[in-house]
């Protein structure tokens, strides 16, 4: 029983970490590629209202739901655990991207303290300094390289 809990927990964490790569690739090649028509309003607005870009969040939430529901329905705990990992990544994304960076929920404030948070905020600020689909950098959401010294 304890090994099963450890295994499921590990799958959740590994999936959440892996999802940063999925989000990076989607952001770089889909959102700033053929899916720019949905993502463009995100680079041109204040972010305090619904955007076409929110379709991407709904897509990722659907992926999470289908993995969880399908896994639980079929008795495939590892599949469900991966869905919970996607959901965990989604929580991190909403907390950082929507609440901390874009302040889409004005009544919720999360202070940006510490080198890690300051680094991802700076990275995302650089990303949003360009409002076209080209010339962008820093496509990650929850990870940014340490600056070179």
Protein backbone atom coordinates (compact mmCIF):
# COMPACT_ATOMS: atom_id res chain seq x y z
CA UNK A 1 0.00 0.00 0.00
CA UNK A 2 2.72 2.51 0.96
CA UNK A 3 4.68 1.68 -2.21
CA UNK A 4 1.58 2.31 -4.29
CA UNK A 5 1.10 5.74 -2.66
CA UNK A 6 4.75 6.55 -3.31
CA UNK A 7 4.45 5.43 -6.94
CA UNK A 8 1.28 7.45 -7.55
CA UNK A 9 2.81 10.49 -5.84
CA UNK A 10 5.92 10.15 -7.97
CA UNK A 11 3.82 9.95 -11.15
CA UNK A 12 1.92 13.09 -10.14
CA UNK A 13 5.11 15.06 -9.48
CA UNK A 14 6.95 13.79 -12.57
CA UNK A 15 3.93 14.55 -14.77
CA UNK A 16 3.64 18.07 -13.33
CA UNK A 17 7.33 18.71 -14.01
CA UNK A 18 7.10 17.16 -17.50
CA UNK A 19 4.09 19.34 -18.27
CA UNK A 20 6.34 22.41 -18.20
CA UNK A 21 8.04 20.96 -21.29
CA UNK A 22 4.65 20.29 -22.90
CA UNK A 23 3.54 23.86 -22.10
CA UNK A 24 6.84 25.28 -23.42
CA UNK A 25 6.49 23.41 -26.72
CA UNK A 26 2.80 24.34 -27.06
CA UNK A 27 3.57 27.97 -26.27
CA UNK A 28 6.47 28.21 -28.69
CA UNK A 29 5.21 26.19 -31.64
CA UNK A 30 1.41 26.31 -31.38
CA UNK A 31 0.48 29.51 -29.54
CA UNK A 32 3.17 31.50 -31.37
CA UNK A 33 2.65 29.44 -34.53
CA UNK A 34 -0.57 28.38 -36.21
CA UNK A 35 -2.56 29.03 -32.99
CA UNK A 36 -1.55 32.69 -32.77
CA UNK A 37 -5.12 33.72 -33.65
CA UNK A 38 -6.15 32.49 -30.18
CA UNK A 39 -3.06 33.69 -28.31
CA UNK A 40 -2.69 37.16 -29.84
CA UNK A 41 -5.21 38.86 -27.57
CA UNK A 42 -3.20 37.71 -24.55
CA UNK A 43 -0.21 39.79 -25.70
CA UNK A 44 -2.32 42.83 -26.50
CA UNK A 45 -4.58 43.10 -23.45
CA UNK A 46 -4.32 43.77 -19.75
CA UNK A 47 -5.38 40.20 -19.02
CA UNK A 48 -8.24 41.15 -16.68
CA UNK A 49 -11.05 39.74 -18.80
CA UNK A 50 -11.81 36.59 -20.74
CA UNK A 51 -9.59 36.12 -23.76
CA UNK A 52 -9.57 33.80 -26.75
CA UNK A 53 -6.27 32.61 -25.26
CA UNK A 54 -8.23 31.03 -22.39
CA UNK A 55 -9.20 28.28 -24.86
CA UNK A 56 -5.72 26.85 -24.27
CA UNK A 57 -6.35 26.60 -20.52
CA UNK A 58 -9.65 24.85 -21.22
CA UNK A 59 -7.85 22.41 -23.54
CA UNK A 60 -5.27 21.56 -20.86
CA UNK A 61 -8.02 21.22 -18.24
CA UNK A 62 -9.85 18.83 -20.57
CA UNK A 63 -6.66 16.77 -20.96
CA UNK A 64 -6.39 16.56 -17.17
CA UNK A 65 -10.06 15.67 -16.75
CA UNK A 66 -9.95 12.94 -19.40
CA UNK A 67 -6.84 11.36 -17.86
CA UNK A 68 -8.35 11.43 -14.37
CA UNK A 69 -11.81 10.26 -15.40
CA UNK A 70 -10.55 7.67 -17.85
CA UNK A 71 -7.98 6.35 -15.40
CA UNK A 72 -10.44 6.08 -12.53
CA UNK A 73 -13.17 4.58 -14.72
CA UNK A 74 -10.88 1.92 -16.15
CA UNK A 75 -9.11 1.19 -12.87
CA UNK A 76 -5.85 2.58 -14.25
CA UNK A 77 -4.50 4.45 -11.25
CA UNK A 78 -1.29 5.55 -12.96
CA UNK A 79 -3.27 7.18 -15.78
CA UNK A 80 -5.43 9.00 -13.21
CA UNK A 81 -2.29 10.01 -11.32
CA UNK A 82 -0.88 11.56 -14.49
CA UNK A 83 -4.12 13.52 -14.86
CA UNK A 84 -3.69 14.80 -11.31
CA UNK A 85 -0.12 15.79 -12.28
CA UNK A 86 -1.47 17.85 -15.17
CA UNK A 87 -3.95 19.44 -12.75
CA UNK A 88 -1.12 20.20 -10.30
CA UNK A 89 0.79 21.95 -13.10
CA UNK A 90 -2.40 23.86 -13.94
CA UNK A 91 -2.68 25.11 -10.37
CA UNK A 92 0.91 26.34 -10.51
CA UNK A 93 0.24 28.00 -13.85
CA UNK A 94 -2.85 29.82 -12.59
CA UNK A 95 -1.12 30.94 -9.39
CA UNK A 96 1.93 32.27 -11.20
CA UNK A 97 0.75 33.33 -14.63
CA UNK A 98 -2.81 34.49 -14.07
CA UNK A 99 -2.68 35.68 -10.45
CA UNK A 100 0.89 36.78 -9.76
CA UNK A 101 1.99 38.03 -13.17
CA UNK A 102 -1.12 39.22 -14.98
CA UNK A 103 -3.17 39.96 -11.83
CA UNK A 104 -6.33 38.61 -13.48
CA UNK A 105 -7.94 38.17 -10.08
CA UNK A 106 -7.32 41.58 -8.55
CA UNK A 107 -8.60 40.61 -5.10
CA UNK A 108 -5.95 37.87 -4.73
CA UNK A 109 -2.40 39.03 -4.08
CA UNK A 110 0.61 36.74 -3.93
CA UNK A 111 3.87 38.55 -3.17
CA UNK A 112 6.78 37.99 -5.53
CA UNK A 113 9.59 37.25 -3.12
CA UNK A 114 12.65 35.14 -3.65
CA UNK A 115 15.12 34.57 -6.48
CA UNK A 116 13.05 31.85 -8.19
CA UNK A 117 9.84 33.89 -8.41
CA UNK A 118 11.72 37.02 -9.41
CA UNK A 119 13.47 35.07 -12.18
CA UNK A 120 10.27 33.66 -13.70
CA UNK A 121 8.55 37.05 -13.45
CA UNK A 122 11.49 38.72 -15.24
CA UNK A 123 11.47 35.98 -17.89
CA UNK A 124 7.76 36.38 -18.50
CA UNK A 125 8.10 40.17 -18.59
CA UNK A 126 10.70 39.78 -21.35
CA UNK A 127 8.33 37.46 -23.21
CA UNK A 128 5.51 40.00 -23.06
CA UNK A 129 7.72 42.90 -24.15
CA UNK A 130 7.00 41.85 -27.75
CA UNK A 131 3.40 41.93 -28.96
CA UNK A 132 3.87 40.09 -32.24
CA UNK A 133 4.11 36.36 -32.81
CA UNK A 134 7.75 36.65 -33.92
CA UNK A 135 10.80 37.78 -32.02
CA UNK A 136 9.63 36.19 -28.80
CA UNK A 137 11.85 34.55 -26.21
CA UNK A 138 11.28 32.77 -22.93
CA UNK A 139 8.37 30.47 -23.66
CA UNK A 140 8.39 28.63 -20.33
CA UNK A 141 5.86 29.40 -17.62
CA UNK A 142 7.14 27.98 -14.34
CA UNK A 143 10.84 27.61 -15.09
CA UNK A 144 13.45 30.10 -16.20
CA UNK A 145 17.19 29.71 -16.45
CA UNK A 146 19.39 31.49 -13.98
CA UNK A 147 20.79 34.61 -15.60
CA UNK A 148 24.39 34.34 -16.79
CA UNK A 149 26.80 36.28 -14.64
